Amino acid sequence: MIGAAYAPGFQNLNKWEWIPDLIEFDAYPGHTTLSTSWHVIQLLSGTRISENLPITYDGVWGPAFFVAGRNAVTGSHIAKIAVYNATAPMDFDMSFDGVGPGAVANLTYIVAPMNASNPIGGNVVETHTSMVRAMHNGSFIFELPEYSVAVLEIGAAYAGPGHNYGNPNYRRGWKGFKSWGKKNSHEGWDTR
């Protein structure tokens, strides 16, 4: 276990078998280098999704990939987004069921040049944070640059109770469980 975790995690700058690893180091602390992957892991692990949620996205699928969910402990709604293989910044217009107009979200994204690696003791990864306010229809509109990874988090105070999120039978639009259909009074939603 120790070797399996150590080998891809740490690289001694004086002797190594492969590169890159998450953290490079030697005896001088100023040489410690955190890889671009380390920064991605740090950003994405800072918010936990305990259940997937329906989300509406008006945009181009393809170079942008994301997952949306809710943290059952904090009550926040979260979207994790990666803009991969784009040729220009991408516009986003997304909304969550139960999140209304005027809701405030924290948007944090990191970006680095294509095929970038951090120099010894340096960092090419840029971190950007901003507040995004939901429009009159409850949607969040923002832009992400190419080669970026982002987290959009709406705190519990703005997320609202949702639409019976505790029961997966009633989650409209969540394809992982059931599709939207007409209400069947005996068995929940009929998806025929």
N, C-alpha and C. Protein backbone atom coordinates (compact mmCIF):
# COMPACT_ATOMS: atom_id res chain seq x y z
N MET A 1 0.82 -1.20 0.00
CA MET A 1 0.00 0.00 0.00
C MET A 1 0.86 1.26 0.00
N ILE A 2 1.87 1.28 0.84
CA ILE A 2 2.70 2.48 0.94
C ILE A 2 3.40 2.75 -0.40
N GLY A 3 3.97 1.71 -1.01
CA GLY A 3 4.66 1.89 -2.28
C GLY A 3 3.70 2.30 -3.39
N ALA A 4 2.50 1.73 -3.40
CA ALA A 4 1.52 2.06 -4.44
C ALA A 4 1.08 3.51 -4.34
N ALA A 5 0.96 4.02 -3.12
CA ALA A 5 0.55 5.41 -2.95
C ALA A 5 1.71 6.37 -3.15
N TYR A 6 2.90 5.93 -2.77
CA TYR A 6 4.06 6.81 -2.85
C TYR A 6 4.52 7.02 -4.29
N ALA A 7 4.60 5.95 -5.07
CA ALA A 7 5.21 6.02 -6.40
C ALA A 7 4.56 7.07 -7.30
N PRO A 8 3.23 7.08 -7.48
CA PRO A 8 2.66 8.12 -8.35
C PRO A 8 2.45 9.44 -7.63
N GLY A 9 2.61 9.45 -6.32
CA GLY A 9 2.35 10.66 -5.55
C GLY A 9 3.55 11.56 -5.38
N PHE A 10 4.73 10.96 -5.17
CA PHE A 10 5.92 11.75 -4.84
C PHE A 10 7.08 11.41 -5.77
N GLN A 11 7.85 12.43 -6.10
CA GLN A 11 9.03 12.25 -6.94
C GLN A 11 10.20 12.98 -6.32
N ASN A 12 11.23 12.26 -5.95
CA ASN A 12 12.46 12.87 -5.47
C ASN A 12 13.21 13.39 -6.69
N LEU A 13 13.48 14.68 -6.72
CA LEU A 13 14.13 15.29 -7.88
C LEU A 13 15.53 14.74 -8.13
N ASN A 14 16.14 14.12 -7.11
CA ASN A 14 17.49 13.58 -7.28
C ASN A 14 17.50 12.19 -7.90
N LYS A 15 16.37 11.46 -7.82
CA LYS A 15 16.30 10.11 -8.38
C LYS A 15 14.84 9.74 -8.56
N TRP A 16 14.46 9.36 -9.78
CA TRP A 16 13.09 8.95 -10.03
C TRP A 16 13.04 7.92 -11.13
N GLU A 17 11.89 7.23 -11.22
CA GLU A 17 11.72 6.22 -12.25
C GLU A 17 10.77 6.69 -13.35
N TRP A 18 9.84 7.55 -13.05
CA TRP A 18 8.96 8.11 -14.06
C TRP A 18 8.49 9.48 -13.62
N ILE A 19 8.02 10.26 -14.57
CA ILE A 19 7.45 11.57 -14.29
C ILE A 19 6.20 11.72 -15.13
N PRO A 20 5.29 12.59 -14.79
CA PRO A 20 5.29 13.42 -13.59
C PRO A 20 4.60 12.71 -12.43
N ASP A 21 4.78 13.22 -11.28
CA ASP A 21 4.09 12.78 -10.08
C ASP A 21 3.34 13.98 -9.52
N LEU A 22 2.54 13.75 -8.49
CA LEU A 22 1.76 14.86 -7.93
C LEU A 22 2.63 15.89 -7.24
N ILE A 23 3.63 15.42 -6.51
CA ILE A 23 4.50 16.34 -5.75
C ILE A 23 5.96 15.97 -6.01
N GLU A 24 6.75 16.95 -6.44
CA GLU A 24 8.18 16.76 -6.64
C GLU A 24 8.92 17.49 -5.52
N PHE A 25 10.01 16.91 -5.05
CA PHE A 25 10.71 17.52 -3.92
C PHE A 25 12.18 17.10 -3.91
N ASP A 26 12.95 17.79 -3.10
CA ASP A 26 14.30 17.37 -2.71
C ASP A 26 14.54 17.96 -1.33
N ALA A 27 15.79 18.03 -0.90
CA ALA A 27 16.07 18.50 0.46
C ALA A 27 15.78 19.99 0.64
N TYR A 28 15.74 20.75 -0.44
CA TYR A 28 15.50 22.19 -0.35
C TYR A 28 14.00 22.46 -0.52
N PRO A 29 13.31 22.98 0.51
CA PRO A 29 11.86 23.20 0.42
C PRO A 29 11.42 24.09 -0.74
N GLY A 30 12.30 25.01 -1.16
CA GLY A 30 11.96 25.89 -2.26
C GLY A 30 11.82 25.18 -3.60
N HIS A 31 12.30 23.94 -3.68
CA HIS A 31 12.18 23.16 -4.91
C HIS A 31 10.87 22.37 -4.97
N THR A 32 10.13 22.32 -3.89
CA THR A 32 8.88 21.54 -3.88
C THR A 32 7.95 22.07 -4.96
N THR A 33 7.46 21.15 -5.78
CA THR A 33 6.63 21.52 -6.92
C THR A 33 5.35 20.70 -6.89
N LEU A 34 4.22 21.39 -6.95
CA LEU A 34 2.92 20.73 -7.01
C LEU A 34 2.49 20.69 -8.47
N SER A 35 2.17 19.50 -8.96
CA SER A 35 1.83 19.35 -10.38
C SER A 35 0.49 20.00 -10.70
N THR A 36 0.23 20.19 -11.98
CA THR A 36 -1.07 20.72 -12.39
C THR A 36 -2.18 19.76 -11.96
N SER A 37 -1.94 18.46 -12.00
CA SER A 37 -2.92 17.48 -11.54
C SER A 37 -3.22 17.65 -10.06
N TRP A 38 -2.21 17.98 -9.26
CA TRP A 38 -2.43 18.21 -7.83
C TRP A 38 -3.43 19.35 -7.64
N HIS A 39 -3.30 20.40 -8.42
CA HIS A 39 -4.21 21.54 -8.30
C HIS A 39 -5.64 21.15 -8.69
N VAL A 40 -5.79 20.31 -9.70
CA VAL A 40 -7.13 19.83 -10.10
C VAL A 40 -7.74 19.00 -8.98
N ILE A 41 -6.97 18.08 -8.42
CA ILE A 41 -7.47 17.24 -7.33
C ILE A 41 -7.87 18.10 -6.14
N GLN A 42 -7.06 19.09 -5.81
CA GLN A 42 -7.38 19.97 -4.68
C GLN A 42 -8.69 20.71 -4.91
N LEU A 43 -8.89 21.23 -6.12
CA LEU A 43 -10.12 21.96 -6.41
C LEU A 43 -11.34 21.05 -6.35
N LEU A 44 -11.28 19.91 -7.03
CA LEU A 44 -12.45 19.03 -7.10
C LEU A 44 -12.76 18.35 -5.78
N SER A 45 -11.76 18.08 -4.96
CA SER A 45 -12.02 17.40 -3.69
C SER A 45 -12.52 18.35 -2.60
N GLY A 46 -12.48 19.64 -2.87
CA GLY A 46 -12.95 20.62 -1.87
C GLY A 46 -14.45 20.64 -1.69
N THR A 47 -15.19 20.07 -2.62
CA THR A 47 -16.65 19.97 -2.52
C THR A 47 -17.05 18.54 -2.82
N ARG A 48 -17.88 17.98 -1.97
CA ARG A 48 -18.30 16.59 -2.13
C ARG A 48 -19.74 16.53 -2.62
N ILE A 49 -20.00 15.69 -3.59
CA ILE A 49 -21.35 15.46 -4.08
C ILE A 49 -21.82 14.13 -3.51
N SER A 50 -22.94 14.16 -2.79
CA SER A 50 -23.46 12.92 -2.22
C SER A 50 -24.61 12.35 -3.04
N GLU A 51 -25.23 13.16 -3.90
CA GLU A 51 -26.26 12.65 -4.80
C GLU A 51 -26.29 13.50 -6.07
N ASN A 52 -26.51 12.84 -7.20
CA ASN A 52 -26.61 13.56 -8.46
C ASN A 52 -27.95 14.28 -8.51
N LEU A 53 -27.98 15.41 -9.20
CA LEU A 53 -29.20 16.20 -9.32
C LEU A 53 -29.47 16.53 -10.78
N PRO A 54 -30.75 16.78 -11.09
CA PRO A 54 -31.07 17.25 -12.44
C PRO A 54 -30.52 18.66 -12.64
N ILE A 55 -30.09 18.92 -13.85
CA ILE A 55 -29.57 20.23 -14.19
C ILE A 55 -29.99 20.54 -15.61
N THR A 56 -30.23 21.79 -15.89
CA THR A 56 -30.53 22.22 -17.25
C THR A 56 -29.34 22.99 -17.76
N TYR A 57 -28.88 22.63 -18.94
CA TYR A 57 -27.71 23.28 -19.53
C TYR A 57 -28.05 23.68 -20.95
N ASP A 58 -28.00 24.96 -21.23
CA ASP A 58 -28.22 25.47 -22.58
C ASP A 58 -26.86 25.82 -23.17
N GLY A 59 -26.29 24.89 -23.87
CA GLY A 59 -24.98 25.12 -24.44
C GLY A 59 -24.56 23.95 -25.30
N VAL A 60 -23.34 23.99 -25.77
CA VAL A 60 -22.81 22.96 -26.66
C VAL A 60 -22.17 21.86 -25.83
N TRP A 61 -22.61 20.63 -26.03
CA TRP A 61 -21.95 19.49 -25.39
C TRP A 61 -20.68 19.19 -26.17
N GLY A 62 -19.72 18.65 -25.54
CA GLY A 62 -18.50 18.31 -26.28
C GLY A 62 -17.27 18.71 -25.52
N PRO A 63 -16.74 19.88 -25.80
CA PRO A 63 -15.51 20.20 -25.08
C PRO A 63 -15.76 20.51 -23.61
N ALA A 64 -17.02 20.64 -23.19
CA ALA A 64 -17.32 20.86 -21.77
C ALA A 64 -17.99 19.61 -21.22
N PHE A 65 -17.48 19.13 -20.10
CA PHE A 65 -18.04 17.97 -19.43
C PHE A 65 -18.29 18.35 -17.98
N PHE A 66 -19.40 17.89 -17.40
CA PHE A 66 -19.69 18.25 -16.02
C PHE A 66 -20.60 17.25 -15.35
N VAL A 67 -20.65 17.38 -14.05
CA VAL A 67 -21.57 16.62 -13.22
C VAL A 67 -22.20 17.60 -12.25
N ALA A 68 -23.45 17.37 -11.90
CA ALA A 68 -24.14 18.25 -10.97
C ALA A 68 -24.67 17.42 -9.82
N GLY A 69 -24.65 18.00 -8.65
CA GLY A 69 -25.14 17.26 -7.50
C GLY A 69 -25.37 18.14 -6.30
N ARG A 70 -25.63 17.47 -5.20
CA ARG A 70 -25.96 18.13 -3.94
C ARG A 70 -25.13 17.49 -2.85
N ASN A 71 -24.70 18.29 -1.91
CA ASN A 71 -24.03 17.78 -0.73
C ASN A 71 -25.07 17.67 0.37
N ALA A 72 -25.37 16.45 0.79
CA ALA A 72 -26.43 16.23 1.78
C ALA A 72 -26.08 16.83 3.14
N VAL A 73 -24.81 16.97 3.44
CA VAL A 73 -24.40 17.52 4.74
C VAL A 73 -24.56 19.04 4.77
N THR A 74 -24.04 19.72 3.74
CA THR A 74 -24.08 21.18 3.73
C THR A 74 -25.35 21.72 3.06
N GLY A 75 -26.01 20.90 2.23
CA GLY A 75 -27.19 21.35 1.51
C GLY A 75 -26.88 22.16 0.27
N SER A 76 -25.61 22.30 -0.07
CA SER A 76 -25.25 23.10 -1.25
C SER A 76 -25.45 22.31 -2.53
N HIS A 77 -25.69 23.03 -3.63
CA HIS A 77 -25.78 22.46 -4.96
C HIS A 77 -24.45 22.74 -5.66
N ILE A 78 -23.95 21.75 -6.40
CA ILE A 78 -22.60 21.84 -6.94
C ILE A 78 -22.58 21.39 -8.40
N ALA A 79 -21.86 22.11 -9.23
CA ALA A 79 -21.54 21.66 -10.59
C ALA A 79 -20.03 21.65 -10.72
N LYS A 80 -19.49 20.53 -11.18
CA LYS A 80 -18.05 20.41 -11.44
C LYS A 80 -17.88 20.30 -12.94
N ILE A 81 -17.04 21.16 -13.49
CA ILE A 81 -16.97 21.34 -14.94
C ILE A 81 -15.51 21.26 -15.41
N ALA A 82 -15.31 20.59 -16.54
CA ALA A 82 -14.00 20.57 -17.19
C ALA A 82 -14.19 21.01 -18.64
N VAL A 83 -13.45 22.01 -19.05
CA VAL A 83 -13.48 22.46 -20.44
C VAL A 83 -12.24 21.86 -21.09
N TYR A 84 -12.48 20.87 -21.93
CA TYR A 84 -11.40 20.08 -22.49
C TYR A 84 -11.41 20.20 -24.01
N ASN A 85 -10.27 20.40 -24.58
CA ASN A 85 -10.11 20.41 -26.03
C ASN A 85 -10.95 21.49 -26.72
N ALA A 86 -11.15 22.60 -26.08
CA ALA A 86 -11.86 23.72 -26.69
C ALA A 86 -10.86 24.60 -27.43
N THR A 87 -11.36 25.41 -28.33
CA THR A 87 -10.49 26.31 -29.07
C THR A 87 -10.71 27.76 -28.68
N ALA A 88 -11.68 27.99 -27.77
CA ALA A 88 -12.00 29.34 -27.33
C ALA A 88 -12.72 29.24 -25.99
N PRO A 89 -12.86 30.35 -25.27
CA PRO A 89 -13.65 30.31 -24.04
C PRO A 89 -15.08 29.83 -24.32
N MET A 90 -15.70 29.19 -23.33
CA MET A 90 -17.05 28.65 -23.49
C MET A 90 -18.03 29.38 -22.60
N ASP A 91 -19.20 29.68 -23.15
CA ASP A 91 -20.28 30.29 -22.38
C ASP A 91 -21.14 29.21 -21.75
N PHE A 92 -21.57 29.46 -20.50
CA PHE A 92 -22.42 28.52 -19.79
C PHE A 92 -23.69 29.22 -19.35
N ASP A 93 -24.79 28.50 -19.43
CA ASP A 93 -26.10 28.95 -18.96
C ASP A 93 -26.74 27.73 -18.35
N MET A 94 -26.63 27.58 -17.01
CA MET A 94 -27.14 26.38 -16.36
C MET A 94 -27.99 26.73 -15.16
N SER A 95 -28.94 25.84 -14.87
CA SER A 95 -29.80 26.06 -13.72
C SER A 95 -30.10 24.73 -13.04
N PHE A 96 -30.41 24.81 -11.76
CA PHE A 96 -30.77 23.66 -10.95
C PHE A 96 -32.24 23.75 -10.58
N ASP A 97 -32.93 22.62 -10.51
CA ASP A 97 -34.28 22.62 -9.98
C ASP A 97 -34.24 23.14 -8.55
N GLY A 98 -35.16 24.02 -8.23
CA GLY A 98 -35.26 24.53 -6.86
C GLY A 98 -34.41 25.74 -6.56
N VAL A 99 -33.53 26.16 -7.47
CA VAL A 99 -32.70 27.34 -7.25
C VAL A 99 -33.31 28.49 -8.06
N GLY A 100 -33.69 29.54 -7.36
CA GLY A 100 -34.43 30.62 -8.01
C GLY A 100 -33.61 31.84 -8.34
N PRO A 101 -34.30 32.86 -8.83
CA PRO A 101 -33.62 34.10 -9.22
C PRO A 101 -32.94 34.77 -8.03
N GLY A 102 -31.81 35.39 -8.30
CA GLY A 102 -31.08 36.10 -7.26
C GLY A 102 -30.17 35.24 -6.41
N ALA A 103 -30.23 33.91 -6.59
CA ALA A 103 -29.34 33.04 -5.83
C ALA A 103 -27.88 33.38 -6.17
N VAL A 104 -27.02 33.21 -5.21
CA VAL A 104 -25.61 33.54 -5.40
C VAL A 104 -24.79 32.25 -5.36
N ALA A 105 -23.88 32.11 -6.32
CA ALA A 105 -22.99 30.95 -6.37
C ALA A 105 -21.55 31.41 -6.36
N ASN A 106 -20.69 30.59 -5.79
CA ASN A 106 -19.25 30.80 -5.86
C ASN A 106 -18.73 30.02 -7.05
N LEU A 107 -18.00 30.68 -7.92
CA LEU A 107 -17.38 30.03 -9.06
C LEU A 107 -15.88 30.09 -8.87
N THR A 108 -15.25 28.93 -8.82
CA THR A 108 -13.80 28.85 -8.72
C THR A 108 -13.32 28.00 -9.88
N TYR A 109 -12.36 28.53 -10.63
CA TYR A 109 -11.79 27.71 -11.70
C TYR A 109 -10.28 27.89 -11.74
N ILE A 110 -9.64 26.85 -12.25
CA ILE A 110 -8.20 26.89 -12.45
C ILE A 110 -7.93 26.70 -13.93
N VAL A 111 -6.85 27.28 -14.39
CA VAL A 111 -6.49 27.21 -15.80
C VAL A 111 -4.97 27.22 -15.91
N ALA A 112 -4.50 26.51 -16.93
CA ALA A 112 -3.07 26.48 -17.23
C ALA A 112 -2.92 26.32 -18.74
N PRO A 113 -1.80 26.71 -19.29
CA PRO A 113 -1.60 26.54 -20.73
C PRO A 113 -1.65 25.05 -21.11
N MET A 114 -2.01 24.79 -22.36
CA MET A 114 -2.06 23.42 -22.85
C MET A 114 -0.70 22.74 -22.69
N ASN A 115 -0.72 21.47 -22.27
CA ASN A 115 0.48 20.67 -22.07
C ASN A 115 1.46 21.31 -21.08
N ALA A 116 0.94 22.07 -20.14
CA ALA A 116 1.80 22.77 -19.18
C ALA A 116 2.30 21.83 -18.09
N SER A 117 3.45 22.14 -17.59
CA SER A 117 3.95 21.49 -16.38
C SER A 117 4.64 22.57 -15.55
N ASN A 118 4.56 22.41 -14.26
CA ASN A 118 5.14 23.41 -13.38
C ASN A 118 6.66 23.28 -13.33
N PRO A 119 7.37 24.39 -13.39
CA PRO A 119 8.83 24.35 -13.24
C PRO A 119 9.18 24.05 -11.78
N ILE A 120 10.37 23.60 -11.55
CA ILE A 120 10.79 23.28 -10.18
C ILE A 120 10.61 24.51 -9.30
N GLY A 121 9.84 24.33 -8.25
CA GLY A 121 9.58 25.41 -7.30
C GLY A 121 8.61 26.47 -7.80
N GLY A 122 8.04 26.29 -8.99
CA GLY A 122 7.14 27.29 -9.56
C GLY A 122 5.73 26.76 -9.77
N ASN A 123 4.90 27.61 -10.39
CA ASN A 123 3.52 27.25 -10.61
C ASN A 123 2.97 28.02 -11.81
N VAL A 124 2.43 27.30 -12.81
CA VAL A 124 1.81 27.96 -13.96
C VAL A 124 0.28 27.94 -13.86
N VAL A 125 -0.24 27.28 -12.84
CA VAL A 125 -1.69 27.17 -12.66
C VAL A 125 -2.22 28.46 -12.05
N GLU A 126 -3.25 29.03 -12.68
CA GLU A 126 -3.90 30.24 -12.16
C GLU A 126 -5.25 29.86 -11.56
N THR A 127 -5.56 30.41 -10.38
CA THR A 127 -6.84 30.18 -9.73
C THR A 127 -7.65 31.47 -9.77
N HIS A 128 -8.90 31.35 -10.19
CA HIS A 128 -9.80 32.51 -10.28
C HIS A 128 -11.07 32.20 -9.50
N THR A 129 -11.54 33.19 -8.74
CA THR A 129 -12.80 33.03 -8.01
C THR A 129 -13.68 34.24 -8.27
N SER A 130 -14.98 33.99 -8.31
CA SER A 130 -15.94 35.08 -8.48
C SER A 130 -17.30 34.63 -7.96
N MET A 131 -18.18 35.61 -7.80
CA MET A 131 -19.56 35.36 -7.40
C MET A 131 -20.42 35.48 -8.66
N VAL A 132 -21.35 34.55 -8.83
CA VAL A 132 -22.26 34.59 -9.96
C VAL A 132 -23.69 34.61 -9.41
N ARG A 133 -24.48 35.59 -9.84
CA ARG A 133 -25.85 35.72 -9.37
C ARG A 133 -26.80 35.13 -10.41
N ALA A 134 -27.79 34.36 -9.95
CA ALA A 134 -28.77 33.76 -10.85
C ALA A 134 -29.64 34.83 -11.49
N MET A 135 -29.95 34.64 -12.75
CA MET A 135 -30.78 35.57 -13.50
C MET A 135 -32.25 35.44 -13.06
N HIS A 136 -33.13 36.21 -13.68
CA HIS A 136 -34.55 36.21 -13.32
C HIS A 136 -35.19 34.83 -13.47
N ASN A 137 -34.64 33.97 -14.32
CA ASN A 137 -35.19 32.62 -14.50
C ASN A 137 -34.45 31.57 -13.67
N GLY A 138 -33.52 32.00 -12.82
CA GLY A 138 -32.78 31.08 -11.95
C GLY A 138 -31.54 30.49 -12.58
N SER A 139 -31.19 30.90 -13.79
CA SER A 139 -30.01 30.33 -14.44
C SER A 139 -28.75 31.14 -14.12
N PHE A 140 -27.65 30.44 -14.11
CA PHE A 140 -26.35 31.05 -13.87
C PHE A 140 -25.63 31.16 -15.22
N ILE A 141 -25.21 32.35 -15.57
CA ILE A 141 -24.53 32.59 -16.83
C ILE A 141 -23.10 33.02 -16.53
N PHE A 142 -22.15 32.29 -17.11
CA PHE A 142 -20.74 32.60 -16.89
C PHE A 142 -19.93 32.03 -18.04
N GLU A 143 -18.65 32.39 -18.08
CA GLU A 143 -17.75 31.94 -19.13
C GLU A 143 -16.54 31.27 -18.49
N LEU A 144 -16.07 30.19 -19.12
CA LEU A 144 -14.85 29.53 -18.67
C LEU A 144 -13.87 29.47 -19.83
N PRO A 145 -12.59 29.71 -19.53
CA PRO A 145 -11.59 29.65 -20.60
C PRO A 145 -11.30 28.20 -21.01
N GLU A 146 -10.66 28.07 -22.16
CA GLU A 146 -10.25 26.74 -22.61
C GLU A 146 -9.26 26.15 -21.62
N TYR A 147 -9.25 24.84 -21.50
CA TYR A 147 -8.36 24.09 -20.61
C TYR A 147 -8.53 24.50 -19.15
N SER A 148 -9.77 24.62 -18.73
CA SER A 148 -10.02 24.99 -17.34
C SER A 148 -10.84 23.91 -16.65
N VAL A 149 -10.75 23.89 -15.32
CA VAL A 149 -11.55 23.02 -14.48
C VAL A 149 -12.20 23.93 -13.45
N ALA A 150 -13.51 23.73 -13.21
CA ALA A 150 -14.24 24.68 -12.37
C ALA A 150 -15.20 23.97 -11.41
N VAL A 151 -15.52 24.68 -10.33
CA VAL A 151 -16.56 24.26 -9.40
C VAL A 151 -17.48 25.45 -9.19
N LEU A 152 -18.77 25.24 -9.45
CA LEU A 152 -19.81 26.23 -9.18
C LEU A 152 -20.61 25.70 -7.99
N GLU A 153 -20.63 26.46 -6.89
CA GLU A 153 -21.32 25.99 -5.69
C GLU A 153 -22.32 27.02 -5.20
N ILE A 154 -23.56 26.57 -5.06
CA ILE A 154 -24.64 27.40 -4.53
C ILE A 154 -24.87 26.95 -3.09
N GLY A 155 -24.62 27.82 -2.14
CA GLY A 155 -24.79 27.48 -0.73
C GLY A 155 -26.22 27.13 -0.38
N ALA A 156 -26.39 26.40 0.72
CA ALA A 156 -27.71 25.94 1.14
C ALA A 156 -28.71 27.08 1.32
N ALA A 157 -28.23 28.26 1.74
CA ALA A 157 -29.14 29.39 1.95
C ALA A 157 -29.82 29.81 0.66
N TYR A 158 -29.17 29.56 -0.48
CA TYR A 158 -29.73 29.93 -1.78
C TYR A 158 -30.27 28.74 -2.57
N ALA A 159 -29.93 27.54 -2.15
CA ALA A 159 -30.28 26.36 -2.94
C ALA A 159 -31.75 26.00 -2.85
N GLY A 160 -32.41 26.33 -1.78
CA GLY A 160 -33.82 25.97 -1.64
C GLY A 160 -33.97 24.50 -1.33
N PRO A 161 -35.19 24.10 -0.99
CA PRO A 161 -35.41 22.71 -0.60
C PRO A 161 -35.39 21.74 -1.78
N GLY A 162 -35.45 22.25 -2.99
CA GLY A 162 -35.48 21.36 -4.15
C GLY A 162 -36.86 20.78 -4.36
N HIS A 163 -36.96 19.87 -5.29
CA HIS A 163 -38.23 19.24 -5.63
C HIS A 163 -38.22 17.80 -5.16
N ASN A 164 -38.38 17.58 -3.87
CA ASN A 164 -38.41 16.24 -3.28
C ASN A 164 -37.16 15.46 -3.65
N TYR A 165 -35.99 16.05 -3.44
CA TYR A 165 -34.74 15.38 -3.80
C TYR A 165 -34.53 14.09 -3.02
N GLY A 166 -35.17 13.97 -1.86
CA GLY A 166 -34.98 12.77 -1.07
C GLY A 166 -35.54 11.52 -1.72
N ASN A 167 -36.45 11.66 -2.69
CA ASN A 167 -37.05 10.51 -3.35
C ASN A 167 -36.65 10.51 -4.82
N PRO A 168 -35.76 9.58 -5.24
CA PRO A 168 -35.30 9.56 -6.62
C PRO A 168 -36.43 9.37 -7.64
N ASN A 169 -37.57 8.81 -7.23
CA ASN A 169 -38.69 8.61 -8.16
C ASN A 169 -39.22 9.92 -8.71
N TYR A 170 -39.00 11.02 -8.00
CA TYR A 170 -39.58 12.30 -8.40
C TYR A 170 -38.56 13.27 -8.97
N ARG A 171 -37.37 12.81 -9.32
CA ARG A 171 -36.35 13.69 -9.86
C ARG A 171 -36.55 13.87 -11.35
N ARG A 172 -37.09 14.98 -11.72
CA ARG A 172 -37.34 15.26 -13.14
C ARG A 172 -36.01 15.47 -13.87
N GLY A 173 -35.84 14.74 -14.95
CA GLY A 173 -34.71 14.96 -15.82
C GLY A 173 -33.42 14.27 -15.45
N TRP A 174 -33.40 13.55 -14.33
CA TRP A 174 -32.17 12.87 -13.94
C TRP A 174 -32.14 11.52 -14.64
N LYS A 175 -31.44 11.42 -15.74
CA LYS A 175 -31.46 10.24 -16.59
C LYS A 175 -30.86 9.01 -15.90
N GLY A 176 -30.05 9.23 -14.88
CA GLY A 176 -29.45 8.10 -14.18
C GLY A 176 -30.46 7.26 -13.43
N PHE A 177 -31.66 7.79 -13.18
CA PHE A 177 -32.65 7.00 -12.47
C PHE A 177 -33.89 6.80 -13.30
N LYS A 178 -34.63 7.85 -13.59
CA LYS A 178 -35.83 7.76 -14.42
C LYS A 178 -35.95 9.01 -15.26
N SER A 179 -36.52 8.86 -16.41
CA SER A 179 -36.78 10.00 -17.27
C SER A 179 -38.08 10.67 -16.86
N TRP A 180 -38.25 11.89 -17.33
CA TRP A 180 -39.47 12.63 -17.07
C TRP A 180 -40.64 11.91 -17.73
N GLY A 181 -41.74 11.80 -17.04
CA GLY A 181 -42.92 11.15 -17.60
C GLY A 181 -44.16 11.68 -16.91
N LYS A 182 -45.30 11.06 -17.19
CA LYS A 182 -46.53 11.51 -16.53
C LYS A 182 -46.67 10.85 -15.18
N LYS A 183 -47.37 11.49 -14.28
CA LYS A 183 -47.53 11.02 -12.92
C LYS A 183 -48.48 9.83 -12.89
N ASN A 184 -48.05 8.75 -12.26
CA ASN A 184 -48.88 7.58 -12.03
C ASN A 184 -49.18 7.57 -10.54
N SER A 185 -50.42 7.67 -10.17
CA SER A 185 -50.77 7.88 -8.76
C SER A 185 -50.39 6.72 -7.86
N HIS A 186 -50.19 5.52 -8.39
CA HIS A 186 -49.87 4.39 -7.56
C HIS A 186 -48.38 4.09 -7.45
N GLU A 187 -47.61 4.40 -8.49
CA GLU A 187 -46.22 3.97 -8.51
C GLU A 187 -45.22 5.10 -8.74
N GLY A 188 -45.61 6.33 -8.61
CA GLY A 188 -44.68 7.43 -8.86
C GLY A 188 -44.76 7.88 -10.32
N TRP A 189 -43.63 8.20 -10.92
CA TRP A 189 -43.61 8.68 -12.30
C TRP A 189 -43.60 7.54 -13.29
N ASP A 190 -44.47 7.63 -14.29
CA ASP A 190 -44.52 6.64 -15.35
C ASP A 190 -43.64 7.14 -16.48
N THR A 191 -42.63 6.35 -16.85
CA THR A 191 -41.67 6.80 -17.86
C THR A 191 -41.89 6.14 -19.21
N ARG A 192 -43.05 5.53 -19.42
CA ARG A 192 -43.32 4.90 -20.73
C ARG A 192 -43.49 5.91 -21.80
